[in-house]
Each structure stands twice: as structure tokens, then as C-alpha cells.
Amino acid sequence: MSREFYGYQCTSKFAYVYVIVDAVSKCIKVGISSTPWSRIQTLQSGNPAPLHLWAFFGPWFRDKALSIESSLHKSMSKKHLRGEWYSINPSFVWNFLGTESLRYLKGVSDESY
């Protein structure tokens, strides 16, 4: 599968880290997907509350995206609800990726695809 998005060719070898917000409970889901704009449709079918794609970051090679996702999940563990859902403000992810996680992000945008 391949799709052009913001000038990037997205395949299963690449992934984005995404943040989806439940409009009613305000909890967030942090995960990875090569097509986060499609992932929300899948999640919405099993959720009665409206879901919104708050942000997505990347694309990165899938193993880097998994590493970033894992670090985020660990850093939010005290706010864990169930699965990949957390009771935390989505801006936490933005702040985390901009500060604590720079070791994962440094140079990632410069990699050739």
C-alpha cells in the first residue's frame, strides 16, 4: 500500500505517531500508523463518542516510530486508562516530542526516503 501525503510517499515501511482525542471524555490515544487519517475511521466505528485526529508526527521508519510510541506510553503510564488510551492533555505529546524525546528525533527528518 502506498499513498502520497504532504509530499511523502507513505508505505508500510514508514509510520506516523498520532494522537486521537475522544471529544466526550477528553482522553487521548497515542499510536502509530502509516495512515493516521484512515486509522481514526477504524477507531470511530467502535466508539460512540466523536474522535478527532489531534496531530500526527513523522513519517519515520517504523522501528523509530515504535520506539517513540513506546517512550510516550512509558512517560504517560500514571495516566493510563486502557490499551493505548490515556487521561492526559494532548499537548503533553507535543511537549514530550519537543523536549525529552529529541534523542529519537534528531536527524530523523533528514533521512532520505
N, C-alpha and C. Protein backbone atom coordinates (compact mmCIF):
# COMPACT_ATOMS: atom_id res chain seq x y z
N MET A 1 0.84 -1.17 0.00
CA MET A 1 0.00 0.00 0.00
C MET A 1 0.89 1.24 0.00
N SER A 2 0.50 2.21 -0.77
CA SER A 2 1.27 3.43 -0.86
C SER A 2 0.33 4.61 -1.07
N ARG A 3 0.63 5.74 -0.45
CA ARG A 3 -0.22 6.91 -0.59
C ARG A 3 0.63 8.16 -0.44
N GLU A 4 0.36 9.16 -1.26
CA GLU A 4 1.07 10.42 -1.19
C GLU A 4 0.37 11.33 -0.19
N PHE A 5 1.11 11.91 0.76
CA PHE A 5 0.52 12.80 1.74
C PHE A 5 1.56 13.83 2.14
N TYR A 6 1.25 15.09 2.00
CA TYR A 6 2.18 16.18 2.28
C TYR A 6 3.53 15.95 1.63
N GLY A 7 3.51 15.39 0.42
CA GLY A 7 4.75 15.20 -0.32
C GLY A 7 5.53 13.96 0.05
N TYR A 8 5.05 13.18 1.00
CA TYR A 8 5.74 11.95 1.39
C TYR A 8 5.03 10.75 0.79
N GLN A 9 5.80 9.80 0.36
CA GLN A 9 5.25 8.53 -0.10
C GLN A 9 5.14 7.64 1.12
N CYS A 10 3.94 7.31 1.55
CA CYS A 10 3.73 6.53 2.76
C CYS A 10 3.53 5.06 2.42
N THR A 11 4.36 4.23 2.94
CA THR A 11 4.23 2.79 2.76
C THR A 11 4.28 2.15 4.13
N SER A 12 4.11 0.84 4.19
CA SER A 12 4.13 0.16 5.48
C SER A 12 5.50 0.21 6.14
N LYS A 13 6.53 0.62 5.41
CA LYS A 13 7.86 0.72 5.99
C LYS A 13 8.01 2.01 6.81
N PHE A 14 7.09 2.97 6.61
CA PHE A 14 7.09 4.23 7.34
C PHE A 14 5.85 4.30 8.23
N ALA A 15 5.96 5.09 9.30
CA ALA A 15 4.80 5.26 10.18
C ALA A 15 4.83 6.63 10.82
N TYR A 16 3.66 7.07 11.21
CA TYR A 16 3.48 8.31 11.96
C TYR A 16 3.11 7.94 13.39
N VAL A 17 3.47 8.79 14.34
CA VAL A 17 2.95 8.71 15.70
C VAL A 17 1.76 9.67 15.71
N TYR A 18 0.60 9.17 16.11
CA TYR A 18 -0.60 10.01 16.07
C TYR A 18 -1.21 10.17 17.45
N VAL A 19 -2.01 11.24 17.59
CA VAL A 19 -2.77 11.49 18.81
C VAL A 19 -4.22 11.68 18.40
N ILE A 20 -5.08 10.84 18.95
CA ILE A 20 -6.53 10.94 18.71
C ILE A 20 -7.19 11.30 20.03
N VAL A 21 -8.13 12.25 19.97
CA VAL A 21 -8.82 12.71 21.18
C VAL A 21 -10.28 12.31 21.13
N ASP A 22 -10.76 11.75 22.24
CA ASP A 22 -12.17 11.45 22.42
C ASP A 22 -12.85 12.75 22.83
N ALA A 23 -13.79 13.25 22.02
CA ALA A 23 -14.41 14.56 22.25
C ALA A 23 -15.23 14.62 23.53
N VAL A 24 -15.72 13.49 24.03
CA VAL A 24 -16.55 13.50 25.23
C VAL A 24 -15.69 13.37 26.49
N SER A 25 -14.88 12.32 26.57
CA SER A 25 -14.09 12.08 27.78
C SER A 25 -12.80 12.88 27.82
N LYS A 26 -12.39 13.40 26.67
CA LYS A 26 -11.14 14.16 26.52
C LYS A 26 -9.89 13.30 26.73
N CYS A 27 -10.05 11.98 26.76
CA CYS A 27 -8.88 11.12 26.85
C CYS A 27 -8.25 11.01 25.46
N ILE A 28 -6.99 10.59 25.43
CA ILE A 28 -6.29 10.52 24.16
C ILE A 28 -5.78 9.11 23.90
N LYS A 29 -5.59 8.82 22.63
CA LYS A 29 -4.97 7.57 22.20
C LYS A 29 -3.71 7.94 21.45
N VAL A 30 -2.61 7.32 21.81
CA VAL A 30 -1.34 7.53 21.12
C VAL A 30 -0.97 6.21 20.48
N GLY A 31 -0.73 6.24 19.19
CA GLY A 31 -0.38 5.02 18.47
C GLY A 31 0.45 5.34 17.25
N ILE A 32 0.71 4.31 16.44
CA ILE A 32 1.41 4.52 15.18
C ILE A 32 0.59 3.94 14.04
N SER A 33 0.75 4.55 12.89
CA SER A 33 0.06 4.08 11.70
C SER A 33 0.73 4.71 10.48
N SER A 34 0.73 3.98 9.37
CA SER A 34 1.23 4.58 8.13
C SER A 34 0.18 5.50 7.53
N THR A 35 -1.07 5.40 8.00
CA THR A 35 -2.16 6.27 7.52
C THR A 35 -3.04 6.69 8.69
N PRO A 36 -2.58 7.61 9.54
CA PRO A 36 -3.38 8.01 10.71
C PRO A 36 -4.71 8.63 10.33
N TRP A 37 -4.80 9.27 9.18
CA TRP A 37 -6.06 9.88 8.73
C TRP A 37 -7.10 8.80 8.42
N SER A 38 -6.66 7.56 8.16
CA SER A 38 -7.58 6.44 7.97
C SER A 38 -7.82 5.69 9.28
N ARG A 39 -6.82 5.69 10.14
CA ARG A 39 -6.90 4.96 11.40
C ARG A 39 -8.08 5.45 12.24
N ILE A 40 -8.32 6.73 12.23
CA ILE A 40 -9.42 7.29 13.02
C ILE A 40 -10.76 6.73 12.58
N GLN A 41 -10.93 6.46 11.30
CA GLN A 41 -12.19 5.89 10.81
C GLN A 41 -12.42 4.51 11.41
N THR A 42 -11.38 3.71 11.50
CA THR A 42 -11.48 2.37 12.08
C THR A 42 -11.86 2.46 13.55
N LEU A 43 -11.20 3.35 14.28
CA LEU A 43 -11.49 3.51 15.71
C LEU A 43 -12.88 4.08 15.95
N GLN A 44 -13.32 4.97 15.09
CA GLN A 44 -14.61 5.62 15.27
C GLN A 44 -15.76 4.62 15.20
N SER A 45 -15.62 3.59 14.37
CA SER A 45 -16.70 2.62 14.22
C SER A 45 -16.99 1.86 15.51
N GLY A 46 -16.03 1.80 16.43
CA GLY A 46 -16.24 1.10 17.70
C GLY A 46 -16.39 2.03 18.88
N ASN A 47 -16.57 3.32 18.63
CA ASN A 47 -16.63 4.29 19.72
C ASN A 47 -17.84 5.20 19.53
N PRO A 48 -18.71 5.30 20.52
CA PRO A 48 -19.90 6.15 20.38
C PRO A 48 -19.61 7.65 20.41
N ALA A 49 -18.50 8.04 21.03
CA ALA A 49 -18.15 9.47 21.11
C ALA A 49 -17.37 9.88 19.87
N PRO A 50 -17.52 11.11 19.44
CA PRO A 50 -16.74 11.58 18.29
C PRO A 50 -15.24 11.57 18.61
N LEU A 51 -14.45 11.10 17.67
CA LEU A 51 -13.00 11.09 17.81
C LEU A 51 -12.40 12.09 16.82
N HIS A 52 -11.32 12.74 17.24
CA HIS A 52 -10.67 13.72 16.38
C HIS A 52 -9.18 13.42 16.30
N LEU A 53 -8.64 13.47 15.10
CA LEU A 53 -7.20 13.35 14.91
C LEU A 53 -6.59 14.69 15.32
N TRP A 54 -5.97 14.72 16.50
CA TRP A 54 -5.44 15.96 17.05
C TRP A 54 -4.13 16.35 16.36
N ALA A 55 -3.26 15.34 16.15
CA ALA A 55 -1.97 15.60 15.50
C ALA A 55 -1.35 14.29 15.09
N PHE A 56 -0.43 14.38 14.12
CA PHE A 56 0.43 13.24 13.82
C PHE A 56 1.81 13.77 13.48
N PHE A 57 2.82 12.98 13.83
CA PHE A 57 4.22 13.38 13.71
C PHE A 57 4.96 12.35 12.87
N GLY A 58 5.83 12.79 12.01
CA GLY A 58 6.59 11.89 11.16
C GLY A 58 6.48 12.30 9.72
N PRO A 59 6.68 11.38 8.79
CA PRO A 59 6.86 9.94 8.97
C PRO A 59 8.30 9.58 9.35
N TRP A 60 8.41 8.46 10.04
CA TRP A 60 9.68 7.87 10.39
C TRP A 60 9.68 6.42 9.93
N PHE A 61 10.88 5.83 9.89
CA PHE A 61 10.92 4.40 9.68
C PHE A 61 10.15 3.77 10.83
N ARG A 62 9.45 2.68 10.54
CA ARG A 62 8.53 2.07 11.51
C ARG A 62 9.20 1.77 12.85
N ASP A 63 10.44 1.29 12.86
CA ASP A 63 11.09 0.97 14.14
C ASP A 63 11.32 2.21 14.98
N LYS A 64 11.63 3.36 14.36
CA LYS A 64 11.76 4.61 15.11
C LYS A 64 10.41 5.05 15.66
N ALA A 65 9.37 4.95 14.85
CA ALA A 65 8.03 5.33 15.30
C ALA A 65 7.62 4.46 16.49
N LEU A 66 7.91 3.16 16.45
CA LEU A 66 7.59 2.27 17.57
C LEU A 66 8.35 2.66 18.83
N SER A 67 9.60 3.06 18.66
CA SER A 67 10.42 3.47 19.80
C SER A 67 9.86 4.75 20.43
N ILE A 68 9.47 5.70 19.62
CA ILE A 68 8.89 6.94 20.12
C ILE A 68 7.57 6.67 20.82
N GLU A 69 6.73 5.83 20.19
CA GLU A 69 5.43 5.47 20.79
C GLU A 69 5.64 4.81 22.15
N SER A 70 6.59 3.90 22.23
CA SER A 70 6.87 3.20 23.48
C SER A 70 7.33 4.18 24.56
N SER A 71 8.19 5.12 24.21
CA SER A 71 8.65 6.12 25.17
C SER A 71 7.50 6.99 25.66
N LEU A 72 6.61 7.36 24.75
CA LEU A 72 5.44 8.15 25.14
C LEU A 72 4.56 7.37 26.10
N HIS A 73 4.28 6.11 25.77
CA HIS A 73 3.44 5.28 26.64
C HIS A 73 4.05 5.17 28.04
N LYS A 74 5.37 4.98 28.12
CA LYS A 74 6.03 4.90 29.44
C LYS A 74 5.91 6.20 30.20
N SER A 75 6.08 7.32 29.50
CA SER A 75 6.04 8.61 30.18
C SER A 75 4.64 8.99 30.64
N MET A 76 3.61 8.39 30.04
CA MET A 76 2.23 8.67 30.42
C MET A 76 1.62 7.57 31.29
N SER A 77 2.41 6.64 31.74
CA SER A 77 1.90 5.44 32.42
C SER A 77 1.03 5.75 33.64
N LYS A 78 1.30 6.83 34.34
CA LYS A 78 0.48 7.17 35.52
C LYS A 78 -0.92 7.62 35.13
N LYS A 79 -1.11 7.99 33.88
CA LYS A 79 -2.41 8.44 33.39
C LYS A 79 -3.07 7.40 32.49
N HIS A 80 -2.57 6.15 32.53
CA HIS A 80 -3.08 5.08 31.67
C HIS A 80 -4.51 4.69 32.05
N LEU A 81 -5.36 4.53 31.03
CA LEU A 81 -6.74 4.08 31.26
C LEU A 81 -6.89 2.63 30.83
N ARG A 82 -6.67 2.39 29.54
CA ARG A 82 -6.82 1.05 28.99
C ARG A 82 -6.21 1.02 27.60
N GLY A 83 -5.53 -0.07 27.26
CA GLY A 83 -4.91 -0.17 25.93
C GLY A 83 -3.96 0.98 25.70
N GLU A 84 -4.19 1.74 24.63
CA GLU A 84 -3.35 2.90 24.32
C GLU A 84 -4.07 4.21 24.65
N TRP A 85 -5.04 4.16 25.54
CA TRP A 85 -5.81 5.34 25.93
C TRP A 85 -5.32 5.89 27.25
N TYR A 86 -5.21 7.23 27.32
CA TYR A 86 -4.66 7.91 28.49
C TYR A 86 -5.52 9.12 28.86
N SER A 87 -5.59 9.41 30.14
CA SER A 87 -6.30 10.58 30.64
C SER A 87 -5.27 11.69 30.84
N ILE A 88 -4.92 12.34 29.75
CA ILE A 88 -3.88 13.37 29.78
C ILE A 88 -4.16 14.37 28.66
N ASN A 89 -3.73 15.59 28.85
CA ASN A 89 -3.92 16.61 27.83
C ASN A 89 -3.07 16.27 26.60
N PRO A 90 -3.62 16.37 25.41
CA PRO A 90 -2.85 16.01 24.21
C PRO A 90 -1.59 16.85 24.02
N SER A 91 -1.56 18.05 24.57
CA SER A 91 -0.36 18.89 24.42
C SER A 91 0.86 18.26 25.11
N PHE A 92 0.63 17.29 26.02
CA PHE A 92 1.74 16.57 26.64
C PHE A 92 2.60 15.91 25.56
N VAL A 93 1.96 15.34 24.55
CA VAL A 93 2.69 14.65 23.47
C VAL A 93 3.55 15.65 22.72
N TRP A 94 2.95 16.81 22.40
CA TRP A 94 3.70 17.85 21.70
C TRP A 94 4.93 18.26 22.52
N ASN A 95 4.74 18.50 23.81
CA ASN A 95 5.85 18.90 24.67
C ASN A 95 6.89 17.80 24.80
N PHE A 96 6.44 16.56 24.93
CA PHE A 96 7.36 15.43 25.05
C PHE A 96 8.22 15.30 23.81
N LEU A 97 7.61 15.37 22.65
CA LEU A 97 8.36 15.23 21.40
C LEU A 97 9.30 16.40 21.18
N GLY A 98 8.98 17.54 21.74
CA GLY A 98 9.83 18.71 21.57
C GLY A 98 10.97 18.80 22.56
N THR A 99 10.93 18.01 23.63
CA THR A 99 11.95 18.13 24.66
C THR A 99 12.60 16.79 24.97
N GLU A 100 11.94 15.96 25.78
CA GLU A 100 12.54 14.72 26.28
C GLU A 100 12.91 13.74 25.17
N SER A 101 12.21 13.78 24.08
CA SER A 101 12.42 12.76 23.06
C SER A 101 13.33 13.20 21.92
N LEU A 102 14.03 14.29 22.07
CA LEU A 102 14.87 14.77 20.98
C LEU A 102 15.92 13.76 20.55
N ARG A 103 16.35 12.91 21.46
CA ARG A 103 17.35 11.90 21.09
C ARG A 103 16.81 10.96 20.01
N TYR A 104 15.51 10.76 19.97
CA TYR A 104 14.91 9.92 18.93
C TYR A 104 14.70 10.70 17.64
N LEU A 105 14.46 12.00 17.77
CA LEU A 105 14.07 12.79 16.62
C LEU A 105 15.24 13.43 15.89
N LYS A 106 16.36 13.59 16.55
CA LYS A 106 17.48 14.30 15.94
C LYS A 106 17.89 13.66 14.62
N GLY A 107 17.80 14.43 13.57
CA GLY A 107 18.21 13.96 12.26
C GLY A 107 17.21 13.09 11.54
N VAL A 108 16.11 12.73 12.19
CA VAL A 108 15.14 11.84 11.56
C VAL A 108 14.55 12.47 10.30
N SER A 109 14.24 13.76 10.36
CA SER A 109 13.64 14.45 9.23
C SER A 109 14.60 14.52 8.04
N ASP A 110 15.88 14.38 8.30
CA ASP A 110 16.87 14.49 7.23
C ASP A 110 17.15 13.17 6.53
N GLU A 111 16.59 12.08 7.04
CA GLU A 111 16.84 10.78 6.41
C GLU A 111 16.25 10.75 5.00
N SER A 112 16.98 10.14 4.11
CA SER A 112 16.47 10.05 2.73
C SER A 112 15.50 8.88 2.63
N TYR A 113 14.46 9.08 1.86
CA TYR A 113 13.44 8.06 1.69
C TYR A 113 13.62 7.44 0.35
